[in-house]
Amino acid sequence: MKKRYFFYLWIAVTSYMAGPAMYALAMYILYQETDVVTTSLIGWTAATFLSVGILFILITVIMLRVFNIYYFWLQTLLFELLFLALVYMTTVLLGAGNRGLPKLSFLFTPEGISLWMFWGSIALMSSWGIWAARQLVRKSPYMLVSRVMLILFILEIWPR
């Protein structure tokens, strides 16, 4: 495999890991809660990211390239808007049950903000990584931040 494909794999893995790390940070800031990243949260969100999230990313990048309007901030904005659907999907997957989707105002509740931090950080890291991979600029700032996210993720899930 080409070195470039490994970099895209690194982007996907570390972008996902940014989500639980930022979720834990948001829950600590809003509620002073620790140990909020559970196996069910990681399991359902990882499956959602690997299926729906990556599909959103691929469609967005392809459409921006087809229309020849491939700009970093536009890509990031579209990722963030599409990942709003994943915020609502997560509430259903983690226990909304028969109540269906939450109201649109859910996004402005503390729980909604925490989930938005989760999916928004994944969208931002994905956008930055894909942009760095496609440009002829140095990838070292992205690599530094992605390694920090990897360390934060490991520290968050490490049993105490």
C-alpha atoms as a PDB file:
ATOM      1  CA  MET A   1       0.000   0.000   0.000  1.00  0.00           C
ATOM      2  CA  LYS A   2       1.053   3.520  -0.606  1.00  0.00           C
ATOM      3  CA  LYS A   3       2.200   5.705   2.250  1.00  0.00           C
ATOM      4  CA  ARG A   4      -0.677   8.073   1.476  1.00  0.00           C
ATOM      5  CA  TYR A   5      -3.285   5.394   2.274  1.00  0.00           C
ATOM      6  CA  PHE A   6      -1.731   4.817   5.670  1.00  0.00           C
ATOM      7  CA  PHE A   7      -1.990   8.553   6.326  1.00  0.00           C
ATOM      8  CA  TYR A   8      -5.724   8.459   5.522  1.00  0.00           C
ATOM      9  CA  LEU A   9      -6.105   5.516   7.893  1.00  0.00           C
ATOM     10  CA  TRP A  10      -4.247   7.528  10.553  1.00  0.00           C
ATOM     11  CA  ILE A  11      -6.644  10.436   9.931  1.00  0.00           C
ATOM     12  CA  ALA A  12      -9.693   8.217  10.432  1.00  0.00           C
ATOM     13  CA  VAL A  13      -8.391   6.595  13.613  1.00  0.00           C
ATOM     14  CA  THR A  14      -7.114   9.715  15.334  1.00  0.00           C
ATOM     15  CA  SER A  15     -10.072  11.804  14.231  1.00  0.00           C
ATOM     16  CA  TYR A  16     -12.392   9.348  15.897  1.00  0.00           C
ATOM     17  CA  MET A  17     -10.237   9.329  19.028  1.00  0.00           C
ATOM     18  CA  ALA A  18     -10.589  13.105  19.285  1.00  0.00           C
ATOM     19  CA  GLY A  19     -14.325  12.617  19.842  1.00  0.00           C
ATOM     20  CA  PRO A  20     -14.258  10.707  23.152  1.00  0.00           C
ATOM     21  CA  ALA A  21     -11.433  12.913  24.433  1.00  0.00           C
ATOM     22  CA  MET A  22     -13.393  16.109  23.742  1.00  0.00           C
ATOM     23  CA  TYR A  23     -16.612  14.535  25.047  1.00  0.00           C
ATOM     24  CA  ALA A  24     -14.913  13.726  28.342  1.00  0.00           C
ATOM     25  CA  LEU A  25     -13.545  17.266  28.520  1.00  0.00           C
ATOM     26  CA  ALA A  26     -16.980  18.769  27.834  1.00  0.00           C
ATOM     27  CA  MET A  27     -18.639  16.553  30.446  1.00  0.00           C
ATOM     28  CA  TYR A  28     -16.008  17.536  32.984  1.00  0.00           C
ATOM     29  CA  ILE A  29     -16.466  21.249  32.246  1.00  0.00           C
ATOM     30  CA  LEU A  30     -20.286  21.115  32.264  1.00  0.00           C
ATOM     31  CA  TYR A  31     -20.935  18.580  35.039  1.00  0.00           C
ATOM     32  CA  GLN A  32     -17.564  17.932  36.734  1.00  0.00           C
ATOM     33  CA  GLU A  33     -18.128  14.291  35.718  1.00  0.00           C
ATOM     34  CA  THR A  34     -15.312  11.834  35.210  1.00  0.00           C
ATOM     35  CA  ASP A  35     -15.431   8.326  33.725  1.00  0.00           C
ATOM     36  CA  VAL A  36     -18.093   9.262  31.186  1.00  0.00           C
ATOM     37  CA  VAL A  37     -16.595   7.435  28.219  1.00  0.00           C
ATOM     38  CA  THR A  38     -18.187   3.987  28.371  1.00  0.00           C
ATOM     39  CA  THR A  39     -17.802   0.938  26.182  1.00  0.00           C
ATOM     40  CA  SER A  40     -21.325   1.382  24.825  1.00  0.00           C
ATOM     41  CA  LEU A  41     -20.555   4.987  23.863  1.00  0.00           C
ATOM     42  CA  ILE A  42     -17.367   3.949  22.101  1.00  0.00           C
ATOM     43  CA  GLY A  43     -19.000   0.928  20.471  1.00  0.00           C
ATOM     44  CA  TRP A  44     -22.044   2.714  19.054  1.00  0.00           C
ATOM     45  CA  THR A  45     -20.204   5.853  18.000  1.00  0.00           C
ATOM     46  CA  ALA A  46     -17.333   3.930  16.409  1.00  0.00           C
ATOM     47  CA  ALA A  47     -19.789   1.905  14.362  1.00  0.00           C
ATOM     48  CA  THR A  48     -21.667   5.070  13.412  1.00  0.00           C
ATOM     49  CA  PHE A  49     -18.464   6.858  12.424  1.00  0.00           C
ATOM     50  CA  LEU A  50     -17.117   3.933  10.402  1.00  0.00           C
ATOM     51  CA  SER A  51     -20.349   3.625   8.459  1.00  0.00           C
ATOM     52  CA  VAL A  52     -22.239   6.901   8.270  1.00  0.00           C
ATOM     53  CA  GLY A  53     -19.483   9.355   9.236  1.00  0.00           C
ATOM     54  CA  ILE A  54     -16.968   8.165   6.663  1.00  0.00           C
ATOM     55  CA  LEU A  55     -19.727   8.058   4.049  1.00  0.00           C
ATOM     56  CA  PHE A  56     -20.568  11.716   4.817  1.00  0.00           C
ATOM     57  CA  ILE A  57     -16.896  12.632   4.524  1.00  0.00           C
ATOM     58  CA  LEU A  58     -16.426  10.824   1.210  1.00  0.00           C
ATOM     59  CA  ILE A  59     -19.551  12.305  -0.350  1.00  0.00           C
ATOM     60  CA  THR A  60     -18.611  15.810   0.786  1.00  0.00           C
ATOM     61  CA  VAL A  61     -15.049  15.618  -0.534  1.00  0.00           C
ATOM     62  CA  ILE A  62     -16.199  14.146  -3.856  1.00  0.00           C
ATOM     63  CA  MET A  63     -18.911  16.779  -4.313  1.00  0.00           C
ATOM     64  CA  LEU A  64     -16.550  19.647  -3.488  1.00  0.00           C
ATOM     65  CA  ARG A  65     -14.002  18.325  -5.966  1.00  0.00           C
ATOM     66  CA  VAL A  66     -16.638  17.781  -8.680  1.00  0.00           C
ATOM     67  CA  PHE A  67     -17.908  21.348  -8.305  1.00  0.00           C
ATOM     68  CA  ASN A  68     -14.297  22.593  -8.056  1.00  0.00           C
ATOM     69  CA  ILE A  69     -14.960  24.536  -4.846  1.00  0.00           C
ATOM     70  CA  TYR A  70     -12.631  22.622  -2.569  1.00  0.00           C
ATOM     71  CA  TYR A  71     -11.807  25.059   0.245  1.00  0.00           C
ATOM     72  CA  PHE A  72     -10.790  24.105   3.767  1.00  0.00           C
ATOM     73  CA  TRP A  73     -13.378  26.191   5.612  1.00  0.00           C
ATOM     74  CA  LEU A  74     -16.203  25.161   3.313  1.00  0.00           C
ATOM     75  CA  GLN A  75     -15.251  21.512   3.738  1.00  0.00           C
ATOM     76  CA  THR A  76     -15.105  21.936   7.526  1.00  0.00           C
ATOM     77  CA  LEU A  77     -18.465  23.705   7.631  1.00  0.00           C
ATOM     78  CA  LEU A  78     -20.110  20.958   5.571  1.00  0.00           C
ATOM     79  CA  PHE A  79     -18.563  18.245   7.756  1.00  0.00           C
ATOM     80  CA  GLU A  80     -19.842  19.995  10.885  1.00  0.00           C
ATOM     81  CA  LEU A  81     -23.352  20.401   9.455  1.00  0.00           C
ATOM     82  CA  LEU A  82     -23.554  16.795   8.293  1.00  0.00           C
ATOM     83  CA  PHE A  83     -22.257  15.518  11.606  1.00  0.00           C
ATOM     84  CA  LEU A  84     -25.201  17.234  13.340  1.00  0.00           C
ATOM     85  CA  ALA A  85     -27.229  14.250  12.131  1.00  0.00           C
ATOM     86  CA  LEU A  86     -24.837  11.987  14.031  1.00  0.00           C
ATOM     87  CA  VAL A  87     -25.506  13.919  17.250  1.00  0.00           C
ATOM     88  CA  TYR A  88     -29.167  12.998  16.979  1.00  0.00           C
ATOM     89  CA  MET A  89     -28.361   9.439  15.859  1.00  0.00           C
ATOM     90  CA  THR A  90     -26.223   8.920  18.955  1.00  0.00           C
ATOM     91  CA  THR A  91     -29.089   9.794  21.288  1.00  0.00           C
ATOM     92  CA  VAL A  92     -31.294   7.236  19.566  1.00  0.00           C
ATOM     93  CA  LEU A  93     -28.595   4.545  19.594  1.00  0.00           C
ATOM     94  CA  LEU A  94     -27.724   5.110  23.241  1.00  0.00           C
ATOM     95  CA  GLY A  95     -31.197   4.869  24.639  1.00  0.00           C
ATOM     96  CA  ALA A  96     -33.862   7.227  23.356  1.00  0.00           C
ATOM     97  CA  GLY A  97     -35.887   4.063  22.845  1.00  0.00           C
ATOM     98  CA  ASN A  98     -39.370   4.424  21.450  1.00  0.00           C
ATOM     99  CA  ARG A  99     -39.428   8.165  21.928  1.00  0.00           C
ATOM    100  CA  GLY A 100     -37.778   8.655  18.544  1.00  0.00           C
ATOM    101  CA  LEU A 101     -35.523  11.537  17.705  1.00  0.00           C
ATOM    102  CA  PRO A 102     -35.098  14.274  20.280  1.00  0.00           C
ATOM    103  CA  LYS A 103     -36.413  17.768  19.620  1.00  0.00           C
ATOM    104  CA  LEU A 104     -34.317  20.175  17.593  1.00  0.00           C
ATOM    105  CA  SER A 105     -33.604  22.150  20.768  1.00  0.00           C
ATOM    106  CA  PHE A 106     -31.736  19.111  22.144  1.00  0.00           C
ATOM    107  CA  LEU A 107     -28.561  20.469  20.590  1.00  0.00           C
ATOM    108  CA  PHE A 108     -28.606  23.387  23.056  1.00  0.00           C
ATOM    109  CA  THR A 109     -28.919  21.255  26.174  1.00  0.00           C
ATOM    110  CA  PRO A 110     -25.794  20.264  28.139  1.00  0.00           C
ATOM    111  CA  GLU A 111     -26.086  16.696  26.838  1.00  0.00           C
ATOM    112  CA  GLY A 112     -26.464  17.962  23.282  1.00  0.00           C
ATOM    113  CA  ILE A 113     -23.480  20.267  23.640  1.00  0.00           C
ATOM    114  CA  SER A 114     -21.380  17.369  24.928  1.00  0.00           C
ATOM    115  CA  LEU A 115     -22.364  15.191  21.971  1.00  0.00           C
ATOM    116  CA  TRP A 116     -21.765  18.111  19.619  1.00  0.00           C
ATOM    117  CA  MET A 117     -18.251  18.414  21.056  1.00  0.00           C
ATOM    118  CA  PHE A 118     -17.841  14.697  20.383  1.00  0.00           C
ATOM    119  CA  TRP A 119     -18.911  14.769  16.725  1.00  0.00           C
ATOM    120  CA  GLY A 120     -17.718  18.308  16.013  1.00  0.00           C
ATOM    121  CA  SER A 121     -14.161  17.506  17.059  1.00  0.00           C
ATOM    122  CA  ILE A 122     -14.218  14.421  14.837  1.00  0.00           C
ATOM    123  CA  ALA A 123     -15.440  16.538  11.914  1.00  0.00           C
ATOM    124  CA  LEU A 124     -12.788  19.193  12.523  1.00  0.00           C
ATOM    125  CA  MET A 125      -9.925  16.701  12.846  1.00  0.00           C
ATOM    126  CA  SER A 126     -11.114  14.825   9.745  1.00  0.00           C
ATOM    127  CA  SER A 127     -11.325  17.998   7.719  1.00  0.00           C
ATOM    128  CA  TRP A 128      -7.909  19.195   8.830  1.00  0.00           C
ATOM    129  CA  GLY A 129      -6.328  15.799   8.162  1.00  0.00           C
ATOM    130  CA  ILE A 130      -7.842  15.444   4.704  1.00  0.00           C
ATOM    131  CA  TRP A 131      -6.806  18.989   3.874  1.00  0.00           C
ATOM    132  CA  ALA A 132      -3.248  18.315   5.054  1.00  0.00           C
ATOM    133  CA  ALA A 133      -3.107  15.096   3.023  1.00  0.00           C
ATOM    134  CA  ARG A 134      -4.256  16.828  -0.161  1.00  0.00           C
ATOM    135  CA  GLN A 135      -1.993  19.873   0.123  1.00  0.00           C
ATOM    136  CA  LEU A 136       1.714  20.122  -0.352  1.00  0.00           C
ATOM    137  CA  VAL A 137       2.193  21.659   3.071  1.00  0.00           C
ATOM    138  CA  ARG A 138       3.853  20.222   6.114  1.00  0.00           C
ATOM    139  CA  LYS A 139       1.813  17.678   7.963  1.00  0.00           C
ATOM    140  CA  SER A 140       3.696  18.096  11.244  1.00  0.00           C
ATOM    141  CA  PRO A 141       1.122  20.384  12.988  1.00  0.00           C
ATOM    142  CA  TYR A 142      -1.650  17.901  12.232  1.00  0.00           C
ATOM    143  CA  MET A 143       0.541  14.980  13.302  1.00  0.00           C
ATOM    144  CA  LEU A 144       1.331  16.697  16.608  1.00  0.00           C
ATOM    145  CA  VAL A 145      -2.331  17.369  17.417  1.00  0.00           C
ATOM    146  CA  SER A 146      -3.371  13.876  16.323  1.00  0.00           C
ATOM    147  CA  ARG A 147      -0.775  12.325  18.623  1.00  0.00           C
ATOM    148  CA  VAL A 148      -2.025  14.459  21.501  1.00  0.00           C
ATOM    149  CA  MET A 149      -5.579  13.226  20.784  1.00  0.00           C
ATOM    150  CA  LEU A 150      -4.307   9.643  20.749  1.00  0.00           C
ATOM    151  CA  ILE A 151      -2.670  10.130  24.159  1.00  0.00           C
ATOM    152  CA  LEU A 152      -5.793  11.813  25.590  1.00  0.00           C
ATOM    153  CA  PHE A 153      -7.956   8.969  24.291  1.00  0.00           C
ATOM    154  CA  ILE A 154      -5.709   6.329  25.855  1.00  0.00           C
ATOM    155  CA  LEU A 155      -5.664   8.205  29.163  1.00  0.00           C
ATOM    156  CA  GLU A 156      -9.461   8.481  29.110  1.00  0.00           C
ATOM    157  CA  ILE A 157     -10.163   4.786  28.505  1.00  0.00           C
ATOM    158  CA  TRP A 158      -7.297   3.455  30.641  1.00  0.00           C
ATOM    159  CA  PRO A 159      -8.750   1.615  33.636  1.00  0.00           C
ATOM    160  CA  ARG A 160      -8.156   3.346  36.941  1.00  0.00           C
END
